[in-house]
N, C-alpha and C. Protein backbone atom coordinates (compact mmCIF):
# COMPACT_ATOMS: atom_id res chain seq x y z
N MET A 1 0.83 -1.24 -0.09
CA MET A 1 -0.04 0.05 -0.05
C MET A 1 0.81 1.24 0.06
N ARG A 2 2.06 1.22 0.52
CA ARG A 2 2.91 2.35 0.59
C ARG A 2 3.61 2.59 -0.77
N LEU A 3 3.72 1.73 -1.68
CA LEU A 3 4.24 1.99 -2.98
C LEU A 3 3.52 2.98 -3.75
N PRO A 4 4.07 3.62 -4.73
CA PRO A 4 3.39 4.59 -5.46
C PRO A 4 1.95 4.19 -6.07
N PHE A 5 1.87 2.91 -6.54
CA PHE A 5 0.77 2.43 -7.07
C PHE A 5 0.29 1.24 -6.25
N GLY A 6 0.61 1.21 -5.02
CA GLY A 6 0.37 0.03 -4.17
C GLY A 6 -1.25 -0.23 -4.13
N ARG A 7 -1.99 0.74 -3.86
CA ARG A 7 -3.40 0.53 -3.66
C ARG A 7 -4.09 0.06 -4.92
N SER A 8 -3.54 0.66 -6.16
CA SER A 8 -4.07 0.19 -7.38
C SER A 8 -3.70 -1.33 -7.71
N LEU A 9 -2.48 -1.74 -7.29
CA LEU A 9 -2.04 -3.03 -7.44
C LEU A 9 -2.79 -3.90 -6.68
N PHE A 10 -3.06 -3.56 -5.44
CA PHE A 10 -3.86 -4.44 -4.45
C PHE A 10 -5.28 -4.60 -5.07
N TYR A 11 -5.93 -3.64 -5.61
CA TYR A 11 -7.30 -3.75 -6.12
C TYR A 11 -7.16 -4.62 -7.33
N VAL A 12 -6.22 -4.48 -8.18
CA VAL A 12 -6.08 -5.29 -9.47
C VAL A 12 -5.93 -6.80 -8.97
N ALA A 13 -4.98 -6.94 -8.06
CA ALA A 13 -4.78 -8.35 -7.58
C ALA A 13 -6.11 -8.92 -6.98
N TYR A 14 -6.74 -8.18 -6.10
CA TYR A 14 -7.96 -8.63 -5.59
C TYR A 14 -9.01 -8.91 -6.51
N LEU A 15 -9.28 -8.18 -7.52
CA LEU A 15 -10.18 -8.36 -8.51
C LEU A 15 -9.85 -9.56 -9.35
N GLY A 16 -8.48 -9.84 -9.54
CA GLY A 16 -8.15 -10.96 -10.32
C GLY A 16 -8.37 -12.32 -9.51
N ILE A 17 -8.08 -12.21 -8.28
CA ILE A 17 -8.36 -13.40 -7.38
C ILE A 17 -9.78 -13.75 -7.39
N ILE A 18 -10.63 -12.68 -6.98
CA ILE A 18 -12.07 -12.92 -7.13
C ILE A 18 -12.64 -13.41 -8.45
N THR A 19 -12.21 -12.90 -9.61
CA THR A 19 -12.59 -13.33 -10.93
C THR A 19 -12.13 -14.78 -11.13
N ALA A 20 -10.83 -15.10 -10.69
CA ALA A 20 -10.44 -16.45 -10.87
C ALA A 20 -11.40 -17.49 -10.04
N ILE A 21 -11.70 -17.10 -8.81
CA ILE A 21 -12.60 -17.92 -8.02
C ILE A 21 -13.98 -18.11 -8.66
N VAL A 22 -14.53 -16.96 -9.12
CA VAL A 22 -15.82 -17.09 -9.63
C VAL A 22 -15.85 -17.96 -10.97
N PHE A 23 -14.96 -17.86 -11.80
CA PHE A 23 -14.79 -18.66 -13.03
C PHE A 23 -14.54 -20.00 -12.69
N SER A 24 -13.69 -20.23 -11.64
CA SER A 24 -13.25 -21.68 -11.35
C SER A 24 -14.57 -22.19 -10.79
N LEU A 25 -15.36 -21.67 -9.98
CA LEU A 25 -16.58 -22.28 -9.28
C LEU A 25 -17.60 -22.50 -10.60
N LYS A 26 -17.66 -21.60 -11.55
CA LYS A 26 -18.60 -21.91 -12.61
C LYS A 26 -18.08 -23.01 -13.45
N TRP A 27 -16.84 -23.24 -13.59
CA TRP A 27 -16.36 -24.30 -14.39
C TRP A 27 -16.45 -25.74 -13.81
N HIS A 28 -15.93 -25.66 -12.45
CA HIS A 28 -15.76 -26.95 -11.77
C HIS A 28 -16.77 -27.11 -10.61
N GLY A 29 -17.38 -26.05 -10.30
CA GLY A 29 -18.22 -26.15 -9.01
C GLY A 29 -19.50 -26.77 -9.18
N SER A 30 -20.05 -26.91 -7.96
CA SER A 30 -21.51 -27.41 -7.86
C SER A 30 -22.25 -26.44 -6.93
N ALA A 31 -23.47 -26.68 -6.64
CA ALA A 31 -24.24 -25.83 -5.74
C ALA A 31 -23.60 -25.92 -4.39
N THR A 32 -23.31 -27.12 -3.96
CA THR A 32 -22.74 -27.26 -2.65
C THR A 32 -21.37 -26.49 -2.42
N LEU A 33 -20.50 -26.69 -3.40
CA LEU A 33 -19.29 -25.97 -3.37
C LEU A 33 -19.39 -24.49 -3.34
N ASP A 34 -20.32 -24.03 -4.18
CA ASP A 34 -20.73 -22.62 -4.15
C ASP A 34 -21.17 -22.07 -2.76
N ALA A 35 -21.99 -22.86 -2.23
CA ALA A 35 -22.45 -22.49 -0.84
C ALA A 35 -21.31 -22.46 0.14
N VAL A 36 -20.49 -23.47 0.18
CA VAL A 36 -19.44 -23.48 1.12
C VAL A 36 -18.40 -22.41 0.91
N VAL A 37 -18.10 -21.98 -0.37
CA VAL A 37 -17.19 -20.91 -0.50
C VAL A 37 -17.82 -19.56 -0.19
N PHE A 38 -19.14 -19.39 -0.50
CA PHE A 38 -19.93 -18.20 -0.18
C PHE A 38 -19.91 -18.06 1.38
N LEU A 39 -20.28 -19.06 2.12
CA LEU A 39 -20.42 -19.01 3.48
C LEU A 39 -19.16 -18.80 4.30
N THR A 40 -18.05 -19.45 3.62
CA THR A 40 -16.76 -19.34 4.27
C THR A 40 -16.25 -17.79 4.06
N LEU A 41 -16.45 -17.27 2.89
CA LEU A 41 -15.97 -15.94 2.61
C LEU A 41 -16.82 -14.99 3.50
N GLY A 42 -18.05 -15.23 3.65
CA GLY A 42 -18.95 -14.38 4.45
C GLY A 42 -18.53 -14.43 5.83
N GLY A 43 -18.21 -15.64 6.35
CA GLY A 43 -17.75 -15.79 7.73
C GLY A 43 -16.48 -15.13 8.03
N CYS A 44 -15.54 -15.20 7.07
CA CYS A 44 -14.18 -14.45 7.16
C CYS A 44 -14.37 -12.97 7.21
N HIS A 45 -15.36 -12.46 6.37
CA HIS A 45 -15.70 -11.00 6.35
C HIS A 45 -16.20 -10.59 7.79
N VAL A 46 -17.09 -11.34 8.24
CA VAL A 46 -17.72 -10.93 9.62
C VAL A 46 -16.59 -10.93 10.70
N PHE A 47 -15.69 -11.95 10.59
CA PHE A 47 -14.63 -12.15 11.63
C PHE A 47 -13.77 -10.91 11.47
N TYR A 48 -13.24 -10.62 10.33
CA TYR A 48 -12.17 -9.60 10.13
C TYR A 48 -12.89 -8.21 10.29
N ASP A 49 -14.06 -8.12 9.98
CA ASP A 49 -14.76 -6.75 10.19
C ASP A 49 -14.90 -6.54 11.62
N GLY A 50 -15.24 -7.54 12.53
CA GLY A 50 -15.23 -7.36 13.85
C GLY A 50 -13.87 -6.99 14.54
N PHE A 51 -12.97 -7.75 13.93
CA PHE A 51 -11.59 -7.51 14.48
C PHE A 51 -11.17 -6.06 14.19
N ILE A 52 -11.36 -5.59 13.08
CA ILE A 52 -11.04 -4.15 12.65
C ILE A 52 -11.70 -3.07 13.50
N TRP A 53 -13.06 -3.30 13.76
CA TRP A 53 -13.80 -2.39 14.53
C TRP A 53 -13.38 -2.33 15.99
N LYS A 54 -12.93 -3.51 16.43
CA LYS A 54 -12.38 -3.63 17.81
C LYS A 54 -11.08 -2.86 18.03
N LEU A 55 -10.30 -2.80 16.75
CA LEU A 55 -9.08 -1.93 16.93
C LEU A 55 -9.30 -0.48 17.23
N ARG A 56 -10.53 -0.17 17.13
CA ARG A 56 -10.83 1.36 17.38
C ARG A 56 -10.67 1.65 18.84
N ARG A 57 -10.83 0.60 19.69
CA ARG A 57 -10.59 0.84 21.09
C ARG A 57 -9.05 0.77 21.40
N PRO A 58 -8.52 1.72 21.98
CA PRO A 58 -7.14 1.85 22.15
C PRO A 58 -6.43 0.82 22.92
N GLU A 59 -7.06 0.34 23.85
CA GLU A 59 -6.47 -0.83 24.73
C GLU A 59 -6.48 -2.24 23.92
N VAL A 60 -7.40 -2.34 23.00
CA VAL A 60 -7.39 -3.52 22.12
C VAL A 60 -6.33 -3.39 21.01
N ALA A 61 -6.21 -2.14 20.48
CA ALA A 61 -5.35 -1.96 19.46
C ALA A 61 -3.90 -2.11 20.03
N ALA A 62 -3.73 -1.63 21.31
CA ALA A 62 -2.26 -1.68 21.75
C ALA A 62 -1.97 -3.21 22.15
N SER A 63 -2.94 -4.01 22.37
CA SER A 63 -2.63 -5.42 22.62
C SER A 63 -2.11 -6.17 21.38
N VAL A 64 -2.42 -5.64 20.26
CA VAL A 64 -1.97 -6.30 19.05
C VAL A 64 -0.89 -5.54 18.33
N GLY A 65 -0.42 -4.50 18.97
CA GLY A 65 0.66 -3.66 18.41
C GLY A 65 0.29 -2.63 17.33
N ALA A 66 -1.00 -2.38 17.22
CA ALA A 66 -1.50 -1.36 16.15
C ALA A 66 -1.58 -0.05 16.97
N GLU A 67 -1.40 0.96 16.13
CA GLU A 67 -1.34 2.30 16.61
C GLU A 67 -2.68 2.95 16.25
N THR A 68 -3.29 3.76 17.12
CA THR A 68 -4.49 4.50 16.79
C THR A 68 -4.27 5.95 16.81
N ALA A 69 -4.89 6.64 16.02
CA ALA A 69 -4.77 8.07 15.84
C ALA A 69 -5.49 8.77 16.99
């Protein structure tokens, strides 16, 4: 992210990975595999979102070495 085009590179890589997953599931997947991937990614989103929001509390952020503004 700190590189001159770091954010753009991140988004391009992210979009590429998501596109690869979607096409891979379309090509090889089944309804069950689609559901497993969807629910797993959704669960990861909820977990990481909760973690990020807890970092807003200074004592929690300090416990993982993150700085708060």
